Amino acid sequence: MSDTQVNIELDCRGLNCPLPILKTKKAIDNLNSGETLKMVATDPGSTNDMNAWTKRTGNELVSHEQDGNDYIFIIRKK
């Protein structure tokens, strides 16, 4: 896992699309440019969703990994 400093953590376990993306967007909106968010989801579709969302919005997907049923994303605000 990335050793990037995380400014805020968001637990989206148990939520299905589109809720993890909507909650991630809301959390990112509250960060300053360059700050990072750690989001954890259990929805397998979140991997494709987060890749597409970060590319579309210009935010950086710093890292992504799977730990059991958890999909862990580190996102840096543009």
PDB file of N, CA and C in Angstrom:
ATOM      1  N   MET A   1       0.842  -1.192   0.000  1.00  0.00           N
ATOM      2  CA  MET A   1       0.000   0.000   0.000  1.00  0.00           C
ATOM      3  C   MET A   1       0.877   1.242   0.000  1.00  0.00           C
ATOM      4  N   SER A   2       0.374   2.263  -0.586  1.00  0.00           N
ATOM      5  CA  SER A   2       1.093   3.529  -0.676  1.00  0.00           C
ATOM      6  C   SER A   2       1.337   4.098   0.720  1.00  0.00           C
ATOM      7  N   ASP A   3       2.496   4.752   0.909  1.00  0.00           N
ATOM      8  CA  ASP A   3       2.767   5.393   2.193  1.00  0.00           C
ATOM      9  C   ASP A   3       2.407   6.878   2.143  1.00  0.00           C
ATOM     10  N   THR A   4       1.565   7.246   1.198  1.00  0.00           N
ATOM     11  CA  THR A   4       1.085   8.611   1.057  1.00  0.00           C
ATOM     12  C   THR A   4       0.292   9.011   2.294  1.00  0.00           C
ATOM     13  N   GLN A   5       0.520  10.231   2.775  1.00  0.00           N
ATOM     14  CA  GLN A   5      -0.251  10.733   3.912  1.00  0.00           C
ATOM     15  C   GLN A   5      -1.701  10.915   3.486  1.00  0.00           C
ATOM     16  N   VAL A   6      -2.616  10.401   4.295  1.00  0.00           N
ATOM     17  CA  VAL A   6      -4.045  10.497   4.005  1.00  0.00           C
ATOM     18  C   VAL A   6      -4.649  11.589   4.875  1.00  0.00           C
ATOM     19  N   ASN A   7      -5.384  12.501   4.245  1.00  0.00           N
ATOM     20  CA  ASN A   7      -6.019  13.592   4.979  1.00  0.00           C
ATOM     21  C   ASN A   7      -7.392  13.214   5.514  1.00  0.00           C
ATOM     22  N   ILE A   8      -8.101  12.340   4.791  1.00  0.00           N
ATOM     23  CA  ILE A   8      -9.435  11.933   5.226  1.00  0.00           C
ATOM     24  C   ILE A   8      -9.679  10.503   4.767  1.00  0.00           C
ATOM     25  N   GLU A   9     -10.415   9.738   5.579  1.00  0.00           N
ATOM     26  CA  GLU A   9     -10.774   8.368   5.227  1.00  0.00           C
ATOM     27  C   GLU A   9     -12.281   8.279   5.068  1.00  0.00           C
ATOM     28  N   LEU A  10     -12.704   7.504   4.069  1.00  0.00           N
ATOM     29  CA  LEU A  10     -14.119   7.348   3.756  1.00  0.00           C
ATOM     30  C   LEU A  10     -14.427   5.864   3.661  1.00  0.00           C
ATOM     31  N   ASP A  11     -15.362   5.388   4.477  1.00  0.00           N
ATOM     32  CA  ASP A  11     -15.750   3.985   4.491  1.00  0.00           C
ATOM     33  C   ASP A  11     -17.038   3.818   3.689  1.00  0.00           C
ATOM     34  N   CYS A  12     -16.928   3.197   2.533  1.00  0.00           N
ATOM     35  CA  CYS A  12     -18.086   2.952   1.664  1.00  0.00           C
ATOM     36  C   CYS A  12     -18.411   1.462   1.593  1.00  0.00           C
ATOM     37  N   ARG A  13     -17.940   0.692   2.576  1.00  0.00           N
ATOM     38  CA  ARG A  13     -18.229  -0.743   2.589  1.00  0.00           C
ATOM     39  C   ARG A  13     -19.731  -0.973   2.708  1.00  0.00           C
ATOM     40  N   GLY A  14     -20.222  -1.921   1.915  1.00  0.00           N
ATOM     41  CA  GLY A  14     -21.640  -2.265   1.937  1.00  0.00           C
ATOM     42  C   GLY A  14     -22.496  -1.424   1.004  1.00  0.00           C
ATOM     43  N   LEU A  15     -21.896  -0.405   0.382  1.00  0.00           N
ATOM     44  CA  LEU A  15     -22.646   0.461  -0.537  1.00  0.00           C
ATOM     45  C   LEU A  15     -22.413   0.013  -1.972  1.00  0.00           C
ATOM     46  N   ASN A  16     -23.447   0.104  -2.787  1.00  0.00           N
ATOM     47  CA  ASN A  16     -23.339  -0.252  -4.200  1.00  0.00           C
ATOM     48  C   ASN A  16     -23.388   1.002  -5.055  1.00  0.00           C
ATOM     49  N   CYS A  17     -22.913   0.849  -6.290  1.00  0.00           N
ATOM     50  CA  CYS A  17     -22.902   1.931  -7.268  1.00  0.00           C
ATOM     51  C   CYS A  17     -24.291   2.571  -7.360  1.00  0.00           C
ATOM     52  N   PRO A  18     -24.378   3.866  -7.364  1.00  0.00           N
ATOM     53  CA  PRO A  18     -23.312   4.858  -7.517  1.00  0.00           C
ATOM     54  C   PRO A  18     -22.862   5.488  -6.198  1.00  0.00           C
ATOM     55  N   LEU A  19     -23.310   4.957  -5.055  1.00  0.00           N
ATOM     56  CA  LEU A  19     -23.025   5.623  -3.777  1.00  0.00           C
ATOM     57  C   LEU A  19     -21.540   5.811  -3.458  1.00  0.00           C
ATOM     58  N   PRO A  20     -20.651   4.820  -3.680  1.00  0.00           N
ATOM     59  CA  PRO A  20     -19.233   5.085  -3.389  1.00  0.00           C
ATOM     60  C   PRO A  20     -18.670   6.275  -4.174  1.00  0.00           C
ATOM     61  N   ILE A  21     -19.050   6.402  -5.447  1.00  0.00           N
ATOM     62  CA  ILE A  21     -18.571   7.531  -6.260  1.00  0.00           C
ATOM     63  C   ILE A  21     -19.161   8.838  -5.756  1.00  0.00           C
ATOM     64  N   LEU A  22     -20.453   8.852  -5.459  1.00  0.00           N
ATOM     65  CA  LEU A  22     -21.094  10.082  -4.971  1.00  0.00           C
ATOM     66  C   LEU A  22     -20.485  10.542  -3.656  1.00  0.00           C
ATOM     67  N   LYS A  23     -20.249   9.606  -2.740  1.00  0.00           N
ATOM     68  CA  LYS A  23     -19.649   9.969  -1.448  1.00  0.00           C
ATOM     69  C   LYS A  23     -18.193  10.402  -1.615  1.00  0.00           C
ATOM     70  N   THR A  24     -17.483   9.755  -2.553  1.00  0.00           N
ATOM     71  CA  THR A  24     -16.099  10.149  -2.831  1.00  0.00           C
ATOM     72  C   THR A  24     -16.053  11.565  -3.377  1.00  0.00           C
ATOM     73  N   LYS A  25     -16.933  11.877  -4.323  1.00  0.00           N
ATOM     74  CA  LYS A  25     -16.980  13.225  -4.892  1.00  0.00           C
ATOM     75  C   LYS A  25     -17.237  14.263  -3.808  1.00  0.00           C
ATOM     76  N   LYS A  26     -18.190  13.988  -2.929  1.00  0.00           N
ATOM     77  CA  LYS A  26     -18.514  14.926  -1.855  1.00  0.00           C
ATOM     78  C   LYS A  26     -17.315  15.123  -0.919  1.00  0.00           C
ATOM     79  N   ALA A  27     -16.629  14.038  -0.593  1.00  0.00           N
ATOM     80  CA  ALA A  27     -15.461  14.138   0.289  1.00  0.00           C
ATOM     81  C   ALA A  27     -14.320  14.894  -0.383  1.00  0.00           C
ATOM     82  N   ILE A  28     -14.058  14.616  -1.666  1.00  0.00           N
ATOM     83  CA  ILE A  28     -12.996  15.304  -2.411  1.00  0.00           C
ATOM     84  C   ILE A  28     -13.290  16.794  -2.499  1.00  0.00           C
ATOM     85  N   ASP A  29     -14.562  17.137  -2.675  1.00  0.00           N
ATOM     86  CA  ASP A  29     -14.945  18.553  -2.764  1.00  0.00           C
ATOM     87  C   ASP A  29     -14.568  19.330  -1.506  1.00  0.00           C
ATOM     88  N   ASN A  30     -14.463  18.638  -0.375  1.00  0.00           N
ATOM     89  CA  ASN A  30     -14.126  19.286   0.896  1.00  0.00           C
ATOM     90  C   ASN A  30     -12.620  19.350   1.159  1.00  0.00           C
ATOM     91  N   LEU A  31     -11.816  18.779   0.259  1.00  0.00           N
ATOM     92  CA  LEU A  31     -10.368  18.802   0.419  1.00  0.00           C
ATOM     93  C   LEU A  31      -9.760  19.960  -0.361  1.00  0.00           C
ATOM     94  N   ASN A  32      -8.558  20.345   0.040  1.00  0.00           N
ATOM     95  CA  ASN A  32      -7.783  21.330  -0.712  1.00  0.00           C
ATOM     96  C   ASN A  32      -6.974  20.612  -1.775  1.00  0.00           C
ATOM     97  N   SER A  33      -6.587  21.323  -2.803  1.00  0.00           N
ATOM     98  CA  SER A  33      -5.770  20.763  -3.869  1.00  0.00           C
ATOM     99  C   SER A  33      -4.516  20.119  -3.281  1.00  0.00           C
ATOM    100  N   GLY A  34      -4.212  18.885  -3.722  1.00  0.00           N
ATOM    101  CA  GLY A  34      -3.025  18.170  -3.247  1.00  0.00           C
ATOM    102  C   GLY A  34      -3.284  17.276  -2.045  1.00  0.00           C
ATOM    103  N   GLU A  35      -4.419  17.439  -1.372  1.00  0.00           N
ATOM    104  CA  GLU A  35      -4.731  16.579  -0.233  1.00  0.00           C
ATOM    105  C   GLU A  35      -5.269  15.240  -0.731  1.00  0.00           C
ATOM    106  N   THR A  36      -5.218  14.232   0.151  1.00  0.00           N
ATOM    107  CA  THR A  36      -5.583  12.887  -0.268  1.00  0.00           C
ATOM    108  C   THR A  36      -6.726  12.306   0.550  1.00  0.00           C
ATOM    109  N   LEU A  37      -7.438  11.402  -0.123  1.00  0.00           N
ATOM    110  CA  LEU A  37      -8.577  10.701   0.447  1.00  0.00           C
ATOM    111  C   LEU A  37      -8.322   9.209   0.320  1.00  0.00           C
ATOM    112  N   LYS A  38      -8.589   8.473   1.392  1.00  0.00           N
ATOM    113  CA  LYS A  38      -8.570   7.014   1.346  1.00  0.00           C
ATOM    114  C   LYS A  38     -10.023   6.561   1.366  1.00  0.00           C
ATOM    115  N   MET A  39     -10.425   5.816   0.337  1.00  0.00           N
ATOM    116  CA  MET A  39     -11.789   5.309   0.262  1.00  0.00           C
ATOM    117  C   MET A  39     -11.740   3.795   0.221  1.00  0.00           C
ATOM    118  N   VAL A  40     -12.563   3.155   1.059  1.00  0.00           N
ATOM    119  CA  VAL A  40     -12.644   1.702   1.104  1.00  0.00           C
ATOM    120  C   VAL A  40     -14.059   1.296   0.712  1.00  0.00           C
ATOM    121  N   ALA A  41     -14.164   0.395  -0.280  1.00  0.00           N
ATOM    122  CA  ALA A  41     -15.462  -0.077  -0.757  1.00  0.00           C
ATOM    123  C   ALA A  41     -15.443  -1.601  -0.849  1.00  0.00           C
ATOM    124  N   THR A  42     -16.631  -2.190  -0.872  1.00  0.00           N
ATOM    125  CA  THR A  42     -16.746  -3.637  -1.066  1.00  0.00           C
ATOM    126  C   THR A  42     -17.381  -3.975  -2.407  1.00  0.00           C
ATOM    127  N   ASP A  43     -17.846  -2.985  -3.127  1.00  0.00           N
ATOM    128  CA  ASP A  43     -18.475  -3.185  -4.436  1.00  0.00           C
ATOM    129  C   ASP A  43     -17.387  -3.467  -5.477  1.00  0.00           C
ATOM    130  N   PRO A  44     -17.382  -4.672  -6.096  1.00  0.00           N
ATOM    131  CA  PRO A  44     -16.349  -4.984  -7.092  1.00  0.00           C
ATOM    132  C   PRO A  44     -16.337  -4.006  -8.262  1.00  0.00           C
ATOM    133  N   GLY A  45     -17.463  -3.396  -8.576  1.00  0.00           N
ATOM    134  CA  GLY A  45     -17.534  -2.421  -9.660  1.00  0.00           C
ATOM    135  C   GLY A  45     -16.829  -1.121  -9.345  1.00  0.00           C
ATOM    136  N   SER A  46     -16.466  -0.922  -8.076  1.00  0.00           N
ATOM    137  CA  SER A  46     -15.828   0.341  -7.695  1.00  0.00           C
ATOM    138  C   SER A  46     -14.469   0.521  -8.356  1.00  0.00           C
ATOM    139  N   THR A  47     -13.801  -0.567  -8.710  1.00  0.00           N
ATOM    140  CA  THR A  47     -12.495  -0.452  -9.371  1.00  0.00           C
ATOM    141  C   THR A  47     -12.635   0.274 -10.702  1.00  0.00           C
ATOM    142  N   ASN A  48     -13.531  -0.198 -11.550  1.00  0.00           N
ATOM    143  CA  ASN A  48     -13.748   0.470 -12.845  1.00  0.00           C
ATOM    144  C   ASN A  48     -14.316   1.863 -12.650  1.00  0.00           C
ATOM    145  N   ASP A  49     -15.235   2.007 -11.690  1.00  0.00           N
ATOM    146  CA  ASP A  49     -15.847   3.312 -11.439  1.00  0.00           C
ATOM    147  C   ASP A  49     -14.811   4.349 -11.017  1.00  0.00           C
ATOM    148  N   MET A  50     -13.911   3.979 -10.099  1.00  0.00           N
ATOM    149  CA  MET A  50     -12.914   4.940  -9.605  1.00  0.00           C
ATOM    150  C   MET A  50     -11.895   5.286 -10.688  1.00  0.00           C
ATOM    151  N   ASN A  51     -11.500   4.290 -11.501  1.00  0.00           N
ATOM    152  CA  ASN A  51     -10.582   4.579 -12.613  1.00  0.00           C
ATOM    153  C   ASN A  51     -11.205   5.585 -13.571  1.00  0.00           C
ATOM    154  N   ALA A  52     -12.452   5.349 -13.948  1.00  0.00           N
ATOM    155  CA  ALA A  52     -13.137   6.246 -14.882  1.00  0.00           C
ATOM    156  C   ALA A  52     -13.366   7.619 -14.259  1.00  0.00           C
ATOM    157  N   TRP A  53     -13.771   7.657 -12.999  1.00  0.00           N
ATOM    158  CA  TRP A  53     -14.078   8.926 -12.338  1.00  0.00           C
ATOM    159  C   TRP A  53     -12.827   9.792 -12.188  1.00  0.00           C
ATOM    160  N   THR A  54     -11.709   9.189 -11.769  1.00  0.00           N
ATOM    161  CA  THR A  54     -10.492   9.996 -11.599  1.00  0.00           C
ATOM    162  C   THR A  54      -9.998  10.525 -12.946  1.00  0.00           C
ATOM    163  N   LYS A  55     -10.086   9.720 -13.994  1.00  0.00           N
ATOM    164  CA  LYS A  55      -9.673  10.200 -15.326  1.00  0.00           C
ATOM    165  C   LYS A  55     -10.572  11.336 -15.789  1.00  0.00           C
ATOM    166  N   ARG A  56     -11.863  11.212 -15.556  1.00  0.00           N
ATOM    167  CA  ARG A  56     -12.821  12.233 -16.003  1.00  0.00           C
ATOM    168  C   ARG A  56     -12.658  13.536 -15.226  1.00  0.00           C
ATOM    169  N   THR A  57     -12.357  13.445 -13.926  1.00  0.00           N
ATOM    170  CA  THR A  57     -12.305  14.642 -13.089  1.00  0.00           C
ATOM    171  C   THR A  57     -10.916  15.259 -12.989  1.00  0.00           C
ATOM    172  N   GLY A  58      -9.883  14.503 -13.389  1.00  0.00           N
ATOM    173  CA  GLY A  58      -8.525  15.025 -13.282  1.00  0.00           C
ATOM    174  C   GLY A  58      -7.878  14.799 -11.929  1.00  0.00           C
ATOM    175  N   ASN A  59      -8.606  14.165 -11.007  1.00  0.00           N
ATOM    176  CA  ASN A  59      -8.003  13.798  -9.732  1.00  0.00           C
ATOM    177  C   ASN A  59      -7.106  12.585  -9.951  1.00  0.00           C
ATOM    178  N   GLU A  60      -6.091  12.420  -9.088  1.00  0.00           N
ATOM    179  CA  GLU A  60      -5.100  11.360  -9.287  1.00  0.00           C
ATOM    180  C   GLU A  60      -5.430  10.137  -8.437  1.00  0.00           C
ATOM    181  N   LEU A  61      -5.499   8.972  -9.090  1.00  0.00           N
ATOM    182  CA  LEU A  61      -5.624   7.716  -8.370  1.00  0.00           C
ATOM    183  C   LEU A  61      -4.211   7.293  -8.000  1.00  0.00           C
ATOM    184  N   VAL A  62      -3.813   7.608  -6.780  1.00  0.00           N
ATOM    185  CA  VAL A  62      -2.447   7.372  -6.318  1.00  0.00           C
ATOM    186  C   VAL A  62      -2.180   5.872  -6.207  1.00  0.00           C
ATOM    187  N   SER A  63      -3.137   5.149  -5.627  1.00  0.00           N
ATOM    188  CA  SER A  63      -2.974   3.705  -5.504  1.00  0.00           C
ATOM    189  C   SER A  63      -4.327   3.035  -5.354  1.00  0.00           C
ATOM    190  N   HIS A  64      -4.320   1.746  -5.667  1.00  0.00           N
ATOM    191  CA  HIS A  64      -5.516   0.926  -5.539  1.00  0.00           C
ATOM    192  C   HIS A  64      -5.053  -0.482  -5.196  1.00  0.00           C
ATOM    193  N   GLU A  65      -5.696  -1.103  -4.225  1.00  0.00           N
ATOM    194  CA  GLU A  65      -5.390  -2.493  -3.917  1.00  0.00           C
ATOM    195  C   GLU A  65      -6.630  -3.178  -3.384  1.00  0.00           C
ATOM    196  N   GLN A  66      -6.588  -4.490  -3.435  1.00  0.00           N
ATOM    197  CA  GLN A  66      -7.677  -5.288  -2.882  1.00  0.00           C
ATOM    198  C   GLN A  66      -7.140  -6.029  -1.674  1.00  0.00           C
ATOM    199  N   ASP A  67      -7.891  -5.987  -0.574  1.00  0.00           N
ATOM    200  CA  ASP A  67      -7.535  -6.689   0.647  1.00  0.00           C
ATOM    201  C   ASP A  67      -8.754  -7.506   1.059  1.00  0.00           C
ATOM    202  N   GLY A  68      -8.785  -8.778   0.671  1.00  0.00           N
ATOM    203  CA  GLY A  68      -9.970  -9.591   0.908  1.00  0.00           C
ATOM    204  C   GLY A  68     -11.117  -9.056   0.068  1.00  0.00           C
ATOM    205  N   ASN A  69     -12.216  -8.688   0.737  1.00  0.00           N
ATOM    206  CA  ASN A  69     -13.377  -8.125   0.043  1.00  0.00           C
ATOM    207  C   ASN A  69     -13.322  -6.611  -0.058  1.00  0.00           C
ATOM    208  N   ASP A  70     -12.278  -5.995   0.494  1.00  0.00           N
ATOM    209  CA  ASP A  70     -12.160  -4.538   0.492  1.00  0.00           C
ATOM    210  C   ASP A  70     -11.332  -4.061  -0.702  1.00  0.00           C
ATOM    211  N   TYR A  71     -11.847  -3.027  -1.351  1.00  0.00           N
ATOM    212  CA  TYR A  71     -11.134  -2.340  -2.428  1.00  0.00           C
ATOM    213  C   TYR A  71     -10.710  -0.990  -1.856  1.00  0.00           C
ATOM    214  N   ILE A  72      -9.404  -0.755  -1.813  1.00  0.00           N
ATOM    215  CA  ILE A  72      -8.859   0.422  -1.143  1.00  0.00           C
ATOM    216  C   ILE A  72      -8.248   1.364  -2.183  1.00  0.00           C
ATOM    217  N   PHE A  73      -8.690   2.607  -2.150  1.00  0.00           N
ATOM    218  CA  PHE A  73      -8.246   3.610  -3.116  1.00  0.00           C
ATOM    219  C   PHE A  73      -7.652   4.802  -2.379  1.00  0.00           C
ATOM    220  N   ILE A  74      -6.541   5.320  -2.872  1.00  0.00           N
ATOM    221  CA  ILE A  74      -5.973   6.579  -2.401  1.00  0.00           C
ATOM    222  C   ILE A  74      -6.089   7.550  -3.582  1.00  0.00           C
ATOM    223  N   ILE A  75      -6.783   8.666  -3.339  1.00  0.00           N
ATOM    224  CA  ILE A  75      -7.047   9.643  -4.397  1.00  0.00           C
ATOM    225  C   ILE A  75      -6.520  10.999  -3.946  1.00  0.00           C
ATOM    226  N   ARG A  76      -5.755  11.653  -4.829  1.00  0.00           N
ATOM    227  CA  ARG A  76      -5.239  13.003  -4.551  1.00  0.00           C
ATOM    228  C   ARG A  76      -6.073  14.002  -5.350  1.00  0.00           C
ATOM    229  N   LYS A  77      -6.555  15.032  -4.645  1.00  0.00           N
ATOM    230  CA  LYS A  77      -7.339  16.068  -5.320  1.00  0.00           C
ATOM    231  C   LYS A  77      -6.437  16.895  -6.231  1.00  0.00           C
ATOM    232  N   LYS A  78      -6.957  17.191  -7.422  1.00  0.00           N
ATOM    233  CA  LYS A  78      -6.183  17.987  -8.392  1.00  0.00           C
ATOM    234  C   LYS A  78      -6.016  19.409  -7.920  1.00  0.00           C
TER     235      LYS A  78
END
